[in-house]
């Protein structure tokens, strides 16, 4: 390994040619890199946040999370659900199956939760 490093250190022309080659290849390939200002992103999950100031986590679970679970449980296209109860708030995450229409899925969840 020391022989290779010392050879590059002694041969400045070869090192500069290698550097120039790398820079030229980088500049040529820069034009073929695809760039988008707003790449299309398909969301895969929906989060529902509910606040209830002053409520204990037990109350939040009984009054909010269980009711949302019961309302949303029989929907088609749900891959996984998870819920978290905190003091004064609840977080409910719903992950949809692949290939589902996100807008229709979101509208149905909004209608059921409201």
PDB file of N, CA and C in Angstrom:
ATOM      1  N   UNK A   1       0.828  -1.192   0.000  1.00  0.00           N
ATOM      2  CA  UNK A   1       0.000   0.000   0.000  1.00  0.00           C
ATOM      3  C   UNK A   1       0.871   1.254   0.000  1.00  0.00           C
ATOM      4  N   UNK A   2       1.964   1.200   0.753  1.00  0.00           N
ATOM      5  CA  UNK A   2       2.856   2.364   0.779  1.00  0.00           C
ATOM      6  C   UNK A   2       3.458   2.640  -0.589  1.00  0.00           C
ATOM      7  N   UNK A   3       3.682   1.594  -1.362  1.00  0.00           N
ATOM      8  CA  UNK A   3       4.235   1.780  -2.696  1.00  0.00           C
ATOM      9  C   UNK A   3       3.292   2.536  -3.602  1.00  0.00           C
ATOM     10  N   UNK A   4       1.992   2.239  -3.488  1.00  0.00           N
ATOM     11  CA  UNK A   4       0.999   2.907  -4.322  1.00  0.00           C
ATOM     12  C   UNK A   4       0.875   4.380  -3.949  1.00  0.00           C
ATOM     13  N   UNK A   5       0.845   4.671  -2.670  1.00  0.00           N
ATOM     14  CA  UNK A   5       0.730   6.059  -2.217  1.00  0.00           C
ATOM     15  C   UNK A   5       1.978   6.857  -2.597  1.00  0.00           C
ATOM     16  N   UNK A   6       3.124   6.258  -2.383  1.00  0.00           N
ATOM     17  CA  UNK A   6       4.362   6.984  -2.719  1.00  0.00           C
ATOM     18  C   UNK A   6       4.475   7.195  -4.229  1.00  0.00           C
ATOM     19  N   UNK A   7       3.990   6.255  -5.041  1.00  0.00           N
ATOM     20  CA  UNK A   7       4.027   6.430  -6.499  1.00  0.00           C
ATOM     21  C   UNK A   7       3.180   7.627  -6.912  1.00  0.00           C
ATOM     22  N   UNK A   8       1.938   7.751  -6.341  1.00  0.00           N
ATOM     23  CA  UNK A   8       1.083   8.895  -6.660  1.00  0.00           C
ATOM     24  C   UNK A   8       1.705  10.188  -6.162  1.00  0.00           C
ATOM     25  N   UNK A   9       2.378  10.152  -5.003  1.00  0.00           N
ATOM     26  CA  UNK A   9       3.013  11.361  -4.481  1.00  0.00           C
ATOM     27  C   UNK A   9       4.176  11.800  -5.360  1.00  0.00           C
ATOM     28  N   UNK A  10       4.916  10.859  -5.930  1.00  0.00           N
ATOM     29  CA  UNK A  10       6.066  11.187  -6.785  1.00  0.00           C
ATOM     30  C   UNK A  10       5.648  11.613  -8.178  1.00  0.00           C
ATOM     31  N   UNK A  11       4.537  11.107  -8.676  1.00  0.00           N
ATOM     32  CA  UNK A  11       4.077  11.393 -10.043  1.00  0.00           C
ATOM     33  C   UNK A  11       2.908  12.380  -9.997  1.00  0.00           C
ATOM     34  N   UNK A  12       3.236  13.638  -9.889  1.00  0.00           N
ATOM     35  CA  UNK A  12       2.216  14.688  -9.805  1.00  0.00           C
ATOM     36  C   UNK A  12       1.372  14.795 -11.063  1.00  0.00           C
ATOM     37  N   UNK A  13       1.970  14.513 -12.216  1.00  0.00           N
ATOM     38  CA  UNK A  13       1.216  14.591 -13.476  1.00  0.00           C
ATOM     39  C   UNK A  13       0.111  13.534 -13.495  1.00  0.00           C
ATOM     40  N   UNK A  14       0.424  12.323 -13.061  1.00  0.00           N
ATOM     41  CA  UNK A  14      -0.573  11.255 -13.040  1.00  0.00           C
ATOM     42  C   UNK A  14      -1.692  11.583 -12.051  1.00  0.00           C
ATOM     43  N   UNK A  15      -1.315  12.119 -10.897  1.00  0.00           N
ATOM     44  CA  UNK A  15      -2.328  12.483  -9.900  1.00  0.00           C
ATOM     45  C   UNK A  15      -3.234  13.589 -10.438  1.00  0.00           C
ATOM     46  N   UNK A  16      -2.663  14.578 -11.096  1.00  0.00           N
ATOM     47  CA  UNK A  16      -3.465  15.665 -11.662  1.00  0.00           C
ATOM     48  C   UNK A  16      -4.350  15.178 -12.806  1.00  0.00           C
ATOM     49  N   UNK A  17      -3.851  14.268 -13.637  1.00  0.00           N
ATOM     50  CA  UNK A  17      -4.679  13.698 -14.708  1.00  0.00           C
ATOM     51  C   UNK A  17      -5.850  12.914 -14.131  1.00  0.00           C
ATOM     52  N   UNK A  18      -5.615  12.129 -13.075  1.00  0.00           N
ATOM     53  CA  UNK A  18      -6.703  11.389 -12.433  1.00  0.00           C
ATOM     54  C   UNK A  18      -7.737  12.351 -11.865  1.00  0.00           C
ATOM     55  N   UNK A  19      -7.286  13.414 -11.211  1.00  0.00           N
ATOM     56  CA  UNK A  19      -8.199  14.406 -10.662  1.00  0.00           C
ATOM     57  C   UNK A  19      -9.008  15.073 -11.771  1.00  0.00           C
ATOM     58  N   UNK A  20      -8.369  15.444 -12.868  1.00  0.00           N
ATOM     59  CA  UNK A  20      -9.069  16.071 -13.990  1.00  0.00           C
ATOM     60  C   UNK A  20     -10.089  15.117 -14.594  1.00  0.00           C
ATOM     61  N   UNK A  21      -9.720  13.842 -14.711  1.00  0.00           N
ATOM     62  CA  UNK A  21     -10.642  12.835 -15.236  1.00  0.00           C
ATOM     63  C   UNK A  21     -11.877  12.713 -14.345  1.00  0.00           C
ATOM     64  N   UNK A  22     -11.680  12.675 -13.045  1.00  0.00           N
ATOM     65  CA  UNK A  22     -12.810  12.568 -12.106  1.00  0.00           C
ATOM     66  C   UNK A  22     -13.707  13.796 -12.188  1.00  0.00           C
ATOM     67  N   UNK A  23     -13.126  14.981 -12.276  1.00  0.00           N
ATOM     68  CA  UNK A  23     -13.910  16.214 -12.383  1.00  0.00           C
ATOM     69  C   UNK A  23     -14.698  16.247 -13.683  1.00  0.00           C
ATOM     70  N   UNK A  24     -14.084  15.869 -14.797  1.00  0.00           N
ATOM     71  CA  UNK A  24     -14.772  15.875 -16.098  1.00  0.00           C
ATOM     72  C   UNK A  24     -15.922  14.879 -16.103  1.00  0.00           C
ATOM     73  N   UNK A  25     -15.700  13.676 -15.593  1.00  0.00           N
ATOM     74  CA  UNK A  25     -16.779  12.673 -15.527  1.00  0.00           C
ATOM     75  C   UNK A  25     -17.916  13.182 -14.643  1.00  0.00           C
ATOM     76  N   UNK A  26     -17.574  13.832 -13.545  1.00  0.00           N
ATOM     77  CA  UNK A  26     -18.600  14.395 -12.668  1.00  0.00           C
ATOM     78  C   UNK A  26     -19.414  15.468 -13.352  1.00  0.00           C
ATOM     79  N   UNK A  27     -18.757  16.345 -14.093  1.00  0.00           N
ATOM     80  CA  UNK A  27     -19.474  17.401 -14.806  1.00  0.00           C
ATOM     81  C   UNK A  27     -20.351  16.844 -15.921  1.00  0.00           C
ATOM     82  N   UNK A  28     -19.863  15.842 -16.635  1.00  0.00           N
ATOM     83  CA  UNK A  28     -20.665  15.230 -17.701  1.00  0.00           C
ATOM     84  C   UNK A  28     -21.881  14.497 -17.140  1.00  0.00           C
ATOM     85  N   UNK A  29     -21.706  13.838 -16.025  1.00  0.00           N
ATOM     86  CA  UNK A  29     -22.836  13.085 -15.465  1.00  0.00           C
ATOM     87  C   UNK A  29     -23.826  14.004 -14.759  1.00  0.00           C
ATOM     88  N   UNK A  30     -23.418  15.206 -14.403  1.00  0.00           N
ATOM     89  CA  UNK A  30     -24.316  16.149 -13.737  1.00  0.00           C
ATOM     90  C   UNK A  30     -25.532  16.477 -14.603  1.00  0.00           C
ATOM     91  N   UNK A  31     -25.329  16.545 -15.911  1.00  0.00           N
ATOM     92  CA  UNK A  31     -26.445  16.850 -16.814  1.00  0.00           C
ATOM     93  C   UNK A  31     -27.471  15.738 -16.913  1.00  0.00           C
ATOM     94  N   UNK A  32     -27.084  14.525 -16.603  1.00  0.00           N
ATOM     95  CA  UNK A  32     -28.033  13.416 -16.729  1.00  0.00           C
ATOM     96  C   UNK A  32     -28.735  13.070 -15.420  1.00  0.00           C
ATOM     97  N   UNK A  33     -28.418  13.773 -14.335  1.00  0.00           N
ATOM     98  CA  UNK A  33     -29.091  13.528 -13.054  1.00  0.00           C
ATOM     99  C   UNK A  33     -30.471  14.155 -13.113  1.00  0.00           C
ATOM    100  N   UNK A  34     -31.487  13.382 -12.757  1.00  0.00           N
ATOM    101  CA  UNK A  34     -32.845  13.925 -12.789  1.00  0.00           C
ATOM    102  C   UNK A  34     -33.066  14.798 -11.556  1.00  0.00           C
ATOM    103  N   UNK A  35     -33.663  15.964 -11.788  1.00  0.00           N
ATOM    104  CA  UNK A  35     -33.925  16.912 -10.722  1.00  0.00           C
ATOM    105  C   UNK A  35     -35.376  17.358 -10.829  1.00  0.00           C
ATOM    106  N   UNK A  36     -36.014  17.453  -9.657  1.00  0.00           N
ATOM    107  CA  UNK A  36     -37.384  17.943  -9.614  1.00  0.00           C
ATOM    108  C   UNK A  36     -37.516  18.894  -8.439  1.00  0.00           C
ATOM    109  N   UNK A  37     -38.234  19.991  -8.654  1.00  0.00           N
ATOM    110  CA  UNK A  37     -38.441  20.946  -7.569  1.00  0.00           C
ATOM    111  C   UNK A  37     -39.391  20.376  -6.526  1.00  0.00           C
ATOM    112  N   UNK A  38     -40.432  19.728  -6.968  1.00  0.00           N
ATOM    113  CA  UNK A  38     -41.406  19.109  -6.079  1.00  0.00           C
ATOM    114  C   UNK A  38     -41.623  17.663  -6.516  1.00  0.00           C
ATOM    115  N   UNK A  39     -40.798  16.740  -6.043  1.00  0.00           N
ATOM    116  CA  UNK A  39     -40.975  15.349  -6.468  1.00  0.00           C
ATOM    117  C   UNK A  39     -42.290  14.786  -5.939  1.00  0.00           C
ATOM    118  N   UNK A  40     -42.916  13.913  -6.705  1.00  0.00           N
ATOM    119  CA  UNK A  40     -44.190  13.355  -6.255  1.00  0.00           C
ATOM    120  C   UNK A  40     -43.973  12.416  -5.063  1.00  0.00           C
ATOM    121  N   UNK A  41     -44.683  12.689  -3.991  1.00  0.00           N
ATOM    122  CA  UNK A  41     -44.595  11.880  -2.783  1.00  0.00           C
ATOM    123  C   UNK A  41     -45.998  11.383  -2.452  1.00  0.00           C
ATOM    124  N   UNK A  42     -46.128  10.097  -2.282  1.00  0.00           N
ATOM    125  CA  UNK A  42     -47.414   9.519  -1.929  1.00  0.00           C
ATOM    126  C   UNK A  42     -47.394   9.169  -0.445  1.00  0.00           C
ATOM    127  N   UNK A  43     -48.196   9.856   0.357  1.00  0.00           N
ATOM    128  CA  UNK A  43     -48.218   9.535   1.782  1.00  0.00           C
ATOM    129  C   UNK A  43     -48.788   8.146   2.018  1.00  0.00           C
ATOM    130  N   UNK A  44     -48.305   7.493   3.054  1.00  0.00           N
ATOM    131  CA  UNK A  44     -48.743   6.138   3.350  1.00  0.00           C
ATOM    132  C   UNK A  44     -49.501   6.043   4.662  1.00  0.00           C
ATOM    133  N   UNK A  45     -49.542   7.120   5.426  1.00  0.00           N
ATOM    134  CA  UNK A  45     -50.235   7.053   6.705  1.00  0.00           C
ATOM    135  C   UNK A  45     -50.905   8.379   7.013  1.00  0.00           C
ATOM    136  N   UNK A  46     -51.861   8.309   7.925  1.00  0.00           N
ATOM    137  CA  UNK A  46     -52.606   9.474   8.373  1.00  0.00           C
ATOM    138  C   UNK A  46     -52.489   9.525   9.884  1.00  0.00           C
ATOM    139  N   UNK A  47     -52.250  10.705  10.395  1.00  0.00           N
ATOM    140  CA  UNK A  47     -52.172  10.899  11.838  1.00  0.00           C
ATOM    141  C   UNK A  47     -53.324  11.782  12.284  1.00  0.00           C
ATOM    142  N   UNK A  48     -53.975  11.363  13.361  1.00  0.00           N
ATOM    143  CA  UNK A  48     -55.075  12.125  13.939  1.00  0.00           C
ATOM    144  C   UNK A  48     -54.618  12.576  15.318  1.00  0.00           C
ATOM    145  N   UNK A  49     -54.668  13.879  15.568  1.00  0.00           N
ATOM    146  CA  UNK A  49     -54.286  14.443  16.853  1.00  0.00           C
ATOM    147  C   UNK A  49     -55.523  15.051  17.495  1.00  0.00           C
ATOM    148  N   UNK A  50     -55.792  14.671  18.723  1.00  0.00           N
ATOM    149  CA  UNK A  50     -56.944  15.186  19.448  1.00  0.00           C
ATOM    150  C   UNK A  50     -56.453  15.732  20.782  1.00  0.00           C
ATOM    151  N   UNK A  51     -56.877  16.943  21.120  1.00  0.00           N
ATOM    152  CA  UNK A  51     -56.499  17.516  22.411  1.00  0.00           C
ATOM    153  C   UNK A  51     -57.710  17.574  23.329  1.00  0.00           C
ATOM    154  N   UNK A  52     -57.457  17.352  24.599  1.00  0.00           N
ATOM    155  CA  UNK A  52     -58.481  17.435  25.638  1.00  0.00           C
ATOM    156  C   UNK A  52     -57.772  17.964  26.876  1.00  0.00           C
ATOM    157  N   UNK A  53     -57.697  19.283  27.015  1.00  0.00           N
ATOM    158  CA  UNK A  53     -56.931  19.868  28.112  1.00  0.00           C
ATOM    159  C   UNK A  53     -57.394  19.377  29.484  1.00  0.00           C
ATOM    160  N   UNK A  54     -56.445  18.977  30.299  1.00  0.00           N
ATOM    161  CA  UNK A  54     -56.734  18.551  31.659  1.00  0.00           C
ATOM    162  C   UNK A  54     -57.122  17.092  31.828  1.00  0.00           C
ATOM    163  N   UNK A  55     -57.272  16.358  30.737  1.00  0.00           N
ATOM    164  CA  UNK A  55     -57.697  14.952  30.836  1.00  0.00           C
ATOM    165  C   UNK A  55     -56.496  14.061  31.141  1.00  0.00           C
ATOM    166  N   UNK A  56     -56.735  13.023  31.916  1.00  0.00           N
ATOM    167  CA  UNK A  56     -55.667  12.068  32.222  1.00  0.00           C
ATOM    168  C   UNK A  56     -55.490  11.122  31.034  1.00  0.00           C
ATOM    169  N   UNK A  57     -54.347  10.463  30.944  1.00  0.00           N
ATOM    170  CA  UNK A  57     -54.152   9.509  29.841  1.00  0.00           C
ATOM    171  C   UNK A  57     -55.205   8.400  29.818  1.00  0.00           C
ATOM    172  N   UNK A  58     -55.662   7.976  30.995  1.00  0.00           N
ATOM    173  CA  UNK A  58     -56.698   6.942  31.065  1.00  0.00           C
ATOM    174  C   UNK A  58     -58.009   7.449  30.460  1.00  0.00           C
ATOM    175  N   UNK A  59     -58.392   8.690  30.786  1.00  0.00           N
ATOM    176  CA  UNK A  59     -59.607   9.271  30.206  1.00  0.00           C
ATOM    177  C   UNK A  59     -59.476   9.445  28.698  1.00  0.00           C
ATOM    178  N   UNK A  60     -58.316   9.886  28.260  1.00  0.00           N
ATOM    179  CA  UNK A  60     -58.080  10.059  26.820  1.00  0.00           C
ATOM    180  C   UNK A  60     -58.219   8.729  26.101  1.00  0.00           C
ATOM    181  N   UNK A  61     -57.683   7.671  26.695  1.00  0.00           N
ATOM    182  CA  UNK A  61     -57.790   6.356  26.064  1.00  0.00           C
ATOM    183  C   UNK A  61     -59.234   5.882  26.000  1.00  0.00           C
ATOM    184  N   UNK A  62     -59.942   5.994  27.111  1.00  0.00           N
ATOM    185  CA  UNK A  62     -61.318   5.496  27.152  1.00  0.00           C
ATOM    186  C   UNK A  62     -62.276   6.309  26.293  1.00  0.00           C
ATOM    187  N   UNK A  63     -62.135   7.621  26.308  1.00  0.00           N
ATOM    188  CA  UNK A  63     -63.103   8.480  25.638  1.00  0.00           C
ATOM    189  C   UNK A  63     -62.752   8.836  24.191  1.00  0.00           C
ATOM    190  N   UNK A  64     -61.495   8.798  23.844  1.00  0.00           N
ATOM    191  CA  UNK A  64     -61.101   9.212  22.492  1.00  0.00           C
ATOM    192  C   UNK A  64     -60.565   8.039  21.685  1.00  0.00           C
ATOM    193  N   UNK A  65     -59.509   7.408  22.177  1.00  0.00           N
ATOM    194  CA  UNK A  65     -58.819   6.391  21.378  1.00  0.00           C
ATOM    195  C   UNK A  65     -59.711   5.200  21.091  1.00  0.00           C
ATOM    196  N   UNK A  66     -60.384   4.687  22.100  1.00  0.00           N
ATOM    197  CA  UNK A  66     -61.234   3.509  21.881  1.00  0.00           C
ATOM    198  C   UNK A  66     -62.359   3.836  20.911  1.00  0.00           C
ATOM    199  N   UNK A  67     -62.926   5.029  21.013  1.00  0.00           N
ATOM    200  CA  UNK A  67     -64.015   5.405  20.091  1.00  0.00           C
ATOM    201  C   UNK A  67     -63.516   5.542  18.653  1.00  0.00           C
ATOM    202  N   UNK A  68     -62.345   6.127  18.477  1.00  0.00           N
ATOM    203  CA  UNK A  68     -61.796   6.243  17.119  1.00  0.00           C
ATOM    204  C   UNK A  68     -61.469   4.858  16.573  1.00  0.00           C
ATOM    205  N   UNK A  69     -60.888   3.993  17.399  1.00  0.00           N
ATOM    206  CA  UNK A  69     -60.585   2.622  16.950  1.00  0.00           C
ATOM    207  C   UNK A  69     -61.843   1.899  16.507  1.00  0.00           C
ATOM    208  N   UNK A  70     -62.913   2.008  17.281  1.00  0.00           N
ATOM    209  CA  UNK A  70     -64.172   1.348  16.923  1.00  0.00           C
ATOM    210  C   UNK A  70     -64.757   1.909  15.633  1.00  0.00           C
ATOM    211  N   UNK A  71     -64.622   3.202  15.440  1.00  0.00           N
ATOM    212  CA  UNK A  71     -65.176   3.850  14.253  1.00  0.00           C
ATOM    213  C   UNK A  71     -64.407   3.477  12.991  1.00  0.00           C
ATOM    214  N   UNK A  72     -63.097   3.372  13.096  1.00  0.00           N
ATOM    215  CA  UNK A  72     -62.243   3.186  11.927  1.00  0.00           C
ATOM    216  C   UNK A  72     -61.916   1.713  11.685  1.00  0.00           C
ATOM    217  N   UNK A  73     -62.109   0.856  12.660  1.00  0.00           N
ATOM    218  CA  UNK A  73     -61.650  -0.543  12.593  1.00  0.00           C
ATOM    219  C   UNK A  73     -62.200  -1.319  11.400  1.00  0.00           C
ATOM    220  N   UNK A  74     -63.427  -1.069  10.992  1.00  0.00           N
ATOM    221  CA  UNK A  74     -64.025  -1.865   9.910  1.00  0.00           C
ATOM    222  C   UNK A  74     -63.808  -1.265   8.518  1.00  0.00           C
ATOM    223  N   UNK A  75     -62.912  -0.292   8.401  1.00  0.00           N
ATOM    224  CA  UNK A  75     -62.616   0.291   7.085  1.00  0.00           C
ATOM    225  C   UNK A  75     -61.737  -0.638   6.271  1.00  0.00           C
ATOM    226  N   UNK A  76     -61.923  -0.611   4.973  1.00  0.00           N
ATOM    227  CA  UNK A  76     -61.051  -1.365   4.074  1.00  0.00           C
ATOM    228  C   UNK A  76     -59.786  -0.553   3.817  1.00  0.00           C
ATOM    229  N   UNK A  77     -58.689  -1.251   3.592  1.00  0.00           N
ATOM    230  CA  UNK A  77     -57.451  -0.600   3.212  1.00  0.00           C
ATOM    231  C   UNK A  77     -56.545  -0.215   4.366  1.00  0.00           C
ATOM    232  N   UNK A  78     -56.874  -0.620   5.580  1.00  0.00           N
ATOM    233  CA  UNK A  78     -56.024  -0.299   6.719  1.00  0.00           C
ATOM    234  C   UNK A  78     -55.002  -1.402   6.908  1.00  0.00           C
ATOM    235  N   UNK A  79     -53.742  -1.012   6.912  1.00  0.00           N
ATOM    236  CA  UNK A  79     -52.655  -1.962   7.121  1.00  0.00           C
ATOM    237  C   UNK A  79     -52.351  -2.114   8.612  1.00  0.00           C
ATOM    238  N   UNK A  80     -52.261  -0.979   9.310  1.00  0.00           N
ATOM    239  CA  UNK A  80     -51.918  -1.009  10.733  1.00  0.00           C
ATOM    240  C   UNK A  80     -52.424   0.256  11.400  1.00  0.00           C
ATOM    241  N   UNK A  81     -52.803   0.138  12.667  1.00  0.00           N
ATOM    242  CA  UNK A  81     -53.216   1.284  13.471  1.00  0.00           C
ATOM    243  C   UNK A  81     -52.417   1.280  14.766  1.00  0.00           C
ATOM    244  N   UNK A  82     -52.094   2.463  15.236  1.00  0.00           N
ATOM    245  CA  UNK A  82     -51.457   2.590  16.547  1.00  0.00           C
ATOM    246  C   UNK A  82     -51.946   3.879  17.184  1.00  0.00           C
ATOM    247  N   UNK A  83     -52.101   3.836  18.501  1.00  0.00           N
ATOM    248  CA  UNK A  83     -52.609   4.992  19.221  1.00  0.00           C
ATOM    249  C   UNK A  83     -51.788   5.196  20.485  1.00  0.00           C
ATOM    250  N   UNK A  84     -51.648   6.459  20.877  1.00  0.00           N
ATOM    251  CA  UNK A  84     -50.901   6.821  22.068  1.00  0.00           C
ATOM    252  C   UNK A  84     -51.712   7.832  22.858  1.00  0.00           C
ATOM    253  N   UNK A  85     -51.871   7.582  24.142  1.00  0.00           N
ATOM    254  CA  UNK A  85     -52.600   8.486  25.022  1.00  0.00           C
ATOM    255  C   UNK A  85     -51.611   9.207  25.924  1.00  0.00           C
ATOM    256  N   UNK A  86     -51.716  10.510  25.954  1.00  0.00           N
ATOM    257  CA  UNK A  86     -50.885  11.347  26.802  1.00  0.00           C
ATOM    258  C   UNK A  86     -51.808  12.196  27.666  1.00  0.00           C
ATOM    259  N   UNK A  87     -51.237  12.923  28.580  1.00  0.00           N
ATOM    260  CA  UNK A  87     -52.054  13.802  29.397  1.00  0.00           C
ATOM    261  C   UNK A  87     -52.544  14.974  28.541  1.00  0.00           C
ATOM    262  N   UNK A  88     -53.843  15.020  28.327  1.00  0.00           N
ATOM    263  CA  UNK A  88     -54.447  16.107  27.579  1.00  0.00           C
ATOM    264  C   UNK A  88     -54.461  15.961  26.074  1.00  0.00           C
ATOM    265  N   UNK A  89     -53.964  14.840  25.554  1.00  0.00           N
ATOM    266  CA  UNK A  89     -53.967  14.684  24.095  1.00  0.00           C
ATOM    267  C   UNK A  89     -53.845  13.212  23.704  1.00  0.00           C
ATOM    268  N   UNK A  90     -54.228  12.949  22.467  1.00  0.00           N
ATOM    269  CA  UNK A  90     -54.143  11.599  21.903  1.00  0.00           C
ATOM    270  C   UNK A  90     -53.559  11.704  20.493  1.00  0.00           C
ATOM    271  N   UNK A  91     -52.768  10.707  20.144  1.00  0.00           N
ATOM    272  CA  UNK A  91     -52.198  10.604  18.809  1.00  0.00           C
ATOM    273  C   UNK A  91     -52.608   9.264  18.239  1.00  0.00           C
ATOM    274  N   UNK A  92     -53.169   9.281  17.049  1.00  0.00           N
ATOM    275  CA  UNK A  92     -53.679   8.064  16.421  1.00  0.00           C
ATOM    276  C   UNK A  92     -53.091   7.988  15.017  1.00  0.00           C
ATOM    277  N   UNK A  93     -52.346   6.933  14.705  1.00  0.00           N
ATOM    278  CA  UNK A  93     -51.715   6.762  13.396  1.00  0.00           C
ATOM    279  C   UNK A  93     -52.383   5.614  12.646  1.00  0.00           C
ATOM    280  N   UNK A  94     -52.745   5.867  11.411  1.00  0.00           N
ATOM    281  CA  UNK A  94     -53.391   4.860  10.568  1.00  0.00           C
ATOM    282  C   UNK A  94     -52.558   4.709   9.309  1.00  0.00           C
ATOM    283  N   UNK A  95     -52.039   3.515   9.095  1.00  0.00           N
ATOM    284  CA  UNK A  95     -51.225   3.239   7.913  1.00  0.00           C
ATOM    285  C   UNK A  95     -52.096   2.490   6.906  1.00  0.00           C
ATOM    286  N   UNK A  96     -52.094   2.969   5.659  1.00  0.00           N
ATOM    287  CA  UNK A  96     -52.957   2.357   4.649  1.00  0.00           C
ATOM    288  C   UNK A  96     -52.197   1.329   3.821  1.00  0.00           C
ATOM    289  N   UNK A  97     -52.953   0.419   3.221  1.00  0.00           N
ATOM    290  CA  UNK A  97     -52.372  -0.589   2.342  1.00  0.00           C
ATOM    291  C   UNK A  97     -51.829   0.077   1.088  1.00  0.00           C
ATOM    292  N   UNK A  98     -50.883  -0.598   0.447  1.00  0.00           N
ATOM    293  CA  UNK A  98     -50.338  -0.085  -0.809  1.00  0.00           C
ATOM    294  C   UNK A  98     -51.394  -0.180  -1.903  1.00  0.00           C
ATOM    295  N   UNK A  99     -51.375   0.794  -2.784  1.00  0.00           N
ATOM    296  CA  UNK A  99     -52.294   0.782  -3.911  1.00  0.00           C
ATOM    297  C   UNK A  99     -53.627   1.443  -3.619  1.00  0.00           C
ATOM    298  N   UNK A 100     -53.855   1.893  -2.409  1.00  0.00           N
ATOM    299  CA  UNK A 100     -55.109   2.561  -2.062  1.00  0.00           C
ATOM    300  C   UNK A 100     -55.055   4.016  -2.519  1.00  0.00           C
ATOM    301  N   UNK A 101     -56.223   4.585  -2.805  1.00  0.00           N
ATOM    302  CA  UNK A 101     -56.323   5.995  -3.168  1.00  0.00           C
ATOM    303  C   UNK A 101     -56.255   6.816  -1.883  1.00  0.00           C
ATOM    304  N   UNK A 102     -55.197   7.613  -1.746  1.00  0.00           N
ATOM    305  CA  UNK A 102     -54.974   8.347  -0.493  1.00  0.00           C
ATOM    306  C   UNK A 102     -56.076   9.355  -0.213  1.00  0.00           C
ATOM    307  N   UNK A 103     -56.505  10.108  -1.231  1.00  0.00           N
ATOM    308  CA  UNK A 103     -57.523  11.140  -1.013  1.00  0.00           C
ATOM    309  C   UNK A 103     -58.841  10.539  -0.546  1.00  0.00           C
ATOM    310  N   UNK A 104     -59.254   9.440  -1.162  1.00  0.00           N
ATOM    311  CA  UNK A 104     -60.488   8.782  -0.746  1.00  0.00           C
ATOM    312  C   UNK A 104     -60.343   8.215   0.669  1.00  0.00           C
ATOM    313  N   UNK A 105     -59.188   7.657   0.960  1.00  0.00           N
ATOM    314  CA  UNK A 105     -58.908   7.107   2.288  1.00  0.00           C
ATOM    315  C   UNK A 105     -58.956   8.206   3.349  1.00  0.00           C
ATOM    316  N   UNK A 106     -58.320   9.340   3.046  1.00  0.00           N
ATOM    317  CA  UNK A 106     -58.309  10.466   3.971  1.00  0.00           C
ATOM    318  C   UNK A 106     -59.715  11.012   4.199  1.00  0.00           C
ATOM    319  N   UNK A 107     -60.492  11.160   3.135  1.00  0.00           N
ATOM    320  CA  UNK A 107     -61.853  11.685   3.265  1.00  0.00           C
ATOM    321  C   UNK A 107     -62.734  10.754   4.091  1.00  0.00           C
ATOM    322  N   UNK A 108     -62.569   9.455   3.909  1.00  0.00           N
ATOM    323  CA  UNK A 108     -63.376   8.519   4.687  1.00  0.00           C
ATOM    324  C   UNK A 108     -62.998   8.564   6.169  1.00  0.00           C
ATOM    325  N   UNK A 109     -61.736   8.679   6.462  1.00  0.00           N
ATOM    326  CA  UNK A 109     -61.305   8.776   7.858  1.00  0.00           C
ATOM    327  C   UNK A 109     -61.803  10.077   8.477  1.00  0.00           C
ATOM    328  N   UNK A 110     -61.719  11.173   7.731  1.00  0.00           N
ATOM    329  CA  UNK A 110     -62.231  12.458   8.242  1.00  0.00           C
ATOM    330  C   UNK A 110     -63.719  12.365   8.561  1.00  0.00           C
ATOM    331  N   UNK A 111     -64.470  11.766   7.645  1.00  0.00           N
ATOM    332  CA  UNK A 111     -65.908  11.651   7.854  1.00  0.00           C
ATOM    333  C   UNK A 111     -66.219  10.780   9.071  1.00  0.00           C
ATOM    334  N   UNK A 112     -65.494   9.695   9.246  1.00  0.00           N
ATOM    335  CA  UNK A 112     -65.771   8.802  10.375  1.00  0.00           C
ATOM    336  C   UNK A 112     -65.337   9.423  11.701  1.00  0.00           C
ATOM    337  N   UNK A 113     -64.203  10.097  11.721  1.00  0.00           N
ATOM    338  CA  UNK A 113     -63.723  10.688  12.968  1.00  0.00           C
ATOM    339  C   UNK A 113     -64.584  11.889  13.367  1.00  0.00           C
ATOM    340  N   UNK A 114     -65.012  12.682  12.381  1.00  0.00           N
ATOM    341  CA  UNK A 114     -65.865  13.841  12.712  1.00  0.00           C
ATOM    342  C   UNK A 114     -67.194  13.371  13.260  1.00  0.00           C
TER     343      UNK A 114
END
